[in-house]
N, C-alpha and C. Protein backbone atom coordinates (compact mmCIF):
# COMPACT_ATOMS: atom_id res chain seq x y z
N UNK A 1 -3.03 -7.30 -3.00
CA UNK A 1 -2.61 -7.08 -4.18
C UNK A 1 -2.62 -8.17 -5.07
N UNK A 2 -3.04 -9.43 -4.73
CA UNK A 2 -3.26 -10.21 -5.88
C UNK A 2 -4.53 -9.91 -6.62
N UNK A 3 -5.57 -9.13 -6.13
CA UNK A 3 -6.57 -8.67 -7.07
C UNK A 3 -6.64 -7.38 -7.51
N UNK A 4 -6.18 -6.58 -6.62
CA UNK A 4 -6.10 -5.10 -6.93
C UNK A 4 -4.58 -4.61 -6.30
N UNK A 5 -4.16 -3.79 -7.12
CA UNK A 5 -2.82 -3.16 -6.98
C UNK A 5 -3.21 -2.12 -5.86
N UNK A 6 -2.28 -1.91 -4.89
CA UNK A 6 -2.56 -1.05 -3.65
C UNK A 6 -2.75 0.42 -4.00
N UNK A 7 -2.16 0.94 -5.12
CA UNK A 7 -2.54 2.64 -5.21
C UNK A 7 -3.96 2.69 -5.73
N UNK A 8 -4.87 2.07 -6.39
CA UNK A 8 -6.25 2.55 -6.37
C UNK A 8 -7.01 2.34 -4.92
N UNK A 9 -6.40 1.53 -4.14
CA UNK A 9 -6.94 1.42 -2.95
C UNK A 9 -6.82 2.79 -2.11
N UNK A 10 -5.35 3.20 -1.95
CA UNK A 10 -4.85 4.42 -1.38
C UNK A 10 -5.66 5.58 -1.97
N UNK A 11 -5.74 5.66 -3.35
CA UNK A 11 -6.45 6.91 -3.84
C UNK A 11 -7.83 6.67 -3.29
N UNK A 12 -8.59 5.76 -3.35
CA UNK A 12 -9.94 5.61 -2.92
C UNK A 12 -10.11 6.16 -1.50
N UNK A 13 -9.23 5.84 -0.79
CA UNK A 13 -9.01 6.31 0.88
C UNK A 13 -9.07 7.71 0.90
N UNK A 14 -7.99 8.27 -0.07
CA UNK A 14 -7.73 9.69 -0.29
C UNK A 14 -8.93 10.58 -0.53
N UNK A 15 -9.73 9.95 -1.61
CA UNK A 15 -10.75 10.60 -2.04
C UNK A 15 -11.85 10.72 -0.72
N UNK A 16 -12.02 9.59 -0.08
CA UNK A 16 -13.14 9.73 0.84
C UNK A 16 -12.72 10.65 2.09
N UNK A 17 -11.46 10.66 2.27
CA UNK A 17 -11.01 11.53 3.16
C UNK A 17 -11.23 13.12 2.79
N UNK A 18 -10.84 13.33 1.52
CA UNK A 18 -11.02 14.68 1.08
C UNK A 18 -12.66 15.13 0.98
N UNK A 19 -13.39 14.09 0.69
CA UNK A 19 -14.91 14.32 0.96
C UNK A 19 -15.42 15.08 2.25
N UNK A 20 -14.65 14.48 3.26
CA UNK A 20 -14.88 14.79 4.69
C UNK A 20 -14.28 16.08 5.21
N UNK A 21 -13.88 16.83 3.93
CA UNK A 21 -12.99 18.19 4.08
C UNK A 21 -11.69 18.03 4.99
N UNK A 22 -11.11 16.82 4.86
CA UNK A 22 -9.97 16.61 5.63
C UNK A 22 -8.59 16.48 4.61
N UNK A 23 -7.42 16.73 5.07
CA UNK A 23 -6.29 16.44 4.28
C UNK A 23 -5.95 15.08 4.48
N UNK A 24 -5.51 14.35 3.58
CA UNK A 24 -5.07 12.90 3.80
C UNK A 24 -3.63 12.74 4.46
N UNK A 25 -3.68 11.98 5.32
CA UNK A 25 -2.04 11.91 5.55
C UNK A 25 -1.34 10.96 4.67
N UNK A 26 -0.17 11.05 4.52
CA UNK A 26 0.84 10.31 3.93
C UNK A 26 0.51 8.76 4.22
N UNK A 27 0.42 7.97 3.40
CA UNK A 27 0.24 6.49 3.38
C UNK A 27 1.47 5.74 3.90
N UNK A 28 1.45 4.90 4.87
CA UNK A 28 2.81 4.21 5.02
C UNK A 28 2.29 2.78 5.33
N UNK A 29 3.31 1.95 4.71
CA UNK A 29 3.17 0.52 5.06
C UNK A 29 3.34 -0.19 6.52
N UNK A 30 2.56 -0.72 6.78
CA UNK A 30 3.12 -1.69 8.18
C UNK A 30 3.13 -3.01 7.74
N UNK A 31 4.08 -3.52 7.98
CA UNK A 31 4.63 -4.68 7.64
C UNK A 31 5.40 -5.23 6.34
N UNK A 32 5.29 -6.24 5.72
CA UNK A 32 6.08 -6.47 4.49
C UNK A 32 5.26 -6.32 3.22
N UNK A 33 5.98 -6.12 2.23
CA UNK A 33 5.27 -6.23 0.91
C UNK A 33 5.95 -7.04 -0.13
N UNK A 34 5.37 -7.98 -0.96
CA UNK A 34 6.19 -8.65 -1.81
C UNK A 34 6.68 -7.72 -2.75
N UNK A 35 8.06 -8.13 -3.31
CA UNK A 35 8.62 -7.43 -4.38
C UNK A 35 8.06 -7.15 -5.59
N UNK A 36 7.03 -8.22 -5.84
CA UNK A 36 6.41 -8.09 -7.11
C UNK A 36 5.07 -7.34 -7.08
N UNK A 37 4.86 -6.62 -5.76
CA UNK A 37 3.68 -5.94 -5.50
C UNK A 37 4.14 -4.53 -5.59
N UNK A 38 5.41 -4.23 -5.25
CA UNK A 38 5.96 -2.66 -5.23
C UNK A 38 5.68 -1.87 -6.32
N UNK A 39 5.74 -2.30 -7.53
CA UNK A 39 5.27 -1.37 -8.91
C UNK A 39 4.07 -0.98 -8.72
N UNK A 40 3.00 -1.55 -8.07
CA UNK A 40 1.67 -1.16 -7.91
C UNK A 40 1.20 -0.30 -6.54
N UNK A 41 2.51 -0.18 -5.91
CA UNK A 41 2.41 0.68 -4.78
C UNK A 41 3.09 1.90 -4.54
N UNK A 42 2.94 2.71 -5.45
CA UNK A 42 3.77 3.92 -5.50
C UNK A 42 3.51 5.08 -4.58
N UNK A 43 2.26 4.79 -4.12
CA UNK A 43 1.75 5.91 -3.27
C UNK A 43 2.05 5.64 -1.49
N UNK A 44 2.75 4.42 -1.42
CA UNK A 44 3.18 4.00 -0.07
C UNK A 44 4.59 4.43 0.12
N UNK A 45 4.65 4.83 1.46
CA UNK A 45 5.97 4.94 1.95
C UNK A 45 6.69 3.58 2.32
N UNK A 46 7.57 2.98 1.46
CA UNK A 46 8.11 1.53 1.74
C UNK A 46 9.64 1.62 2.02
N UNK A 47 10.13 1.22 3.26
CA UNK A 47 11.53 1.15 3.49
C UNK A 47 11.96 -0.26 2.70
N UNK A 48 13.14 -0.01 2.22
CA UNK A 48 13.59 -1.39 1.67
C UNK A 48 13.56 -2.48 2.58
N UNK A 49 13.90 -2.39 3.75
CA UNK A 49 13.78 -3.67 4.71
C UNK A 49 12.04 -4.24 4.73
N UNK A 50 11.33 -3.72 4.11
CA UNK A 50 9.75 -4.09 4.19
C UNK A 50 9.81 -4.90 2.81
N UNK A 51 10.54 -4.78 1.93
CA UNK A 51 10.26 -5.72 0.60
C UNK A 51 10.93 -6.95 0.81
N UNK A 52 10.11 -8.06 0.32
CA UNK A 52 10.60 -9.42 0.57
C UNK A 52 10.28 -10.11 -0.80
N UNK A 53 10.94 -11.16 -1.03
CA UNK A 53 10.68 -11.92 -2.17
C UNK A 53 9.47 -12.62 -2.42
N UNK A 54 9.04 -13.26 -1.15
CA UNK A 54 7.59 -13.80 -1.24
C UNK A 54 7.20 -13.94 0.18
N UNK A 55 6.07 -13.75 0.66
CA UNK A 55 5.61 -14.06 2.02
C UNK A 55 5.05 -15.55 2.00
N UNK A 56 5.56 -16.26 3.19
CA UNK A 56 5.24 -17.63 3.31
C UNK A 56 4.10 -17.58 4.28
N UNK A 57 2.99 -18.34 4.16
CA UNK A 57 1.94 -18.47 5.18
C UNK A 57 1.95 -20.08 5.38
N UNK A 58 1.82 -20.29 6.76
CA UNK A 58 1.68 -21.52 7.25
C UNK A 58 0.12 -22.04 7.65
N UNK A 59 -0.31 -23.16 7.30
CA UNK A 59 -1.71 -23.59 7.34
C UNK A 59 -1.87 -23.78 8.42
């Protein structure tokens, strides 16, 4: 999400699936998503408990 919002990626995958004459399944988020990235992820099913204020990574 830092470089590309989630929605264009999901749409690309859906288009590729349709090209193979298949019906895309609904996209689901596995893991957490930053609160600031939620507006760009409207095509994902996101549970409220998956939304975090920030994700910390340890080096």
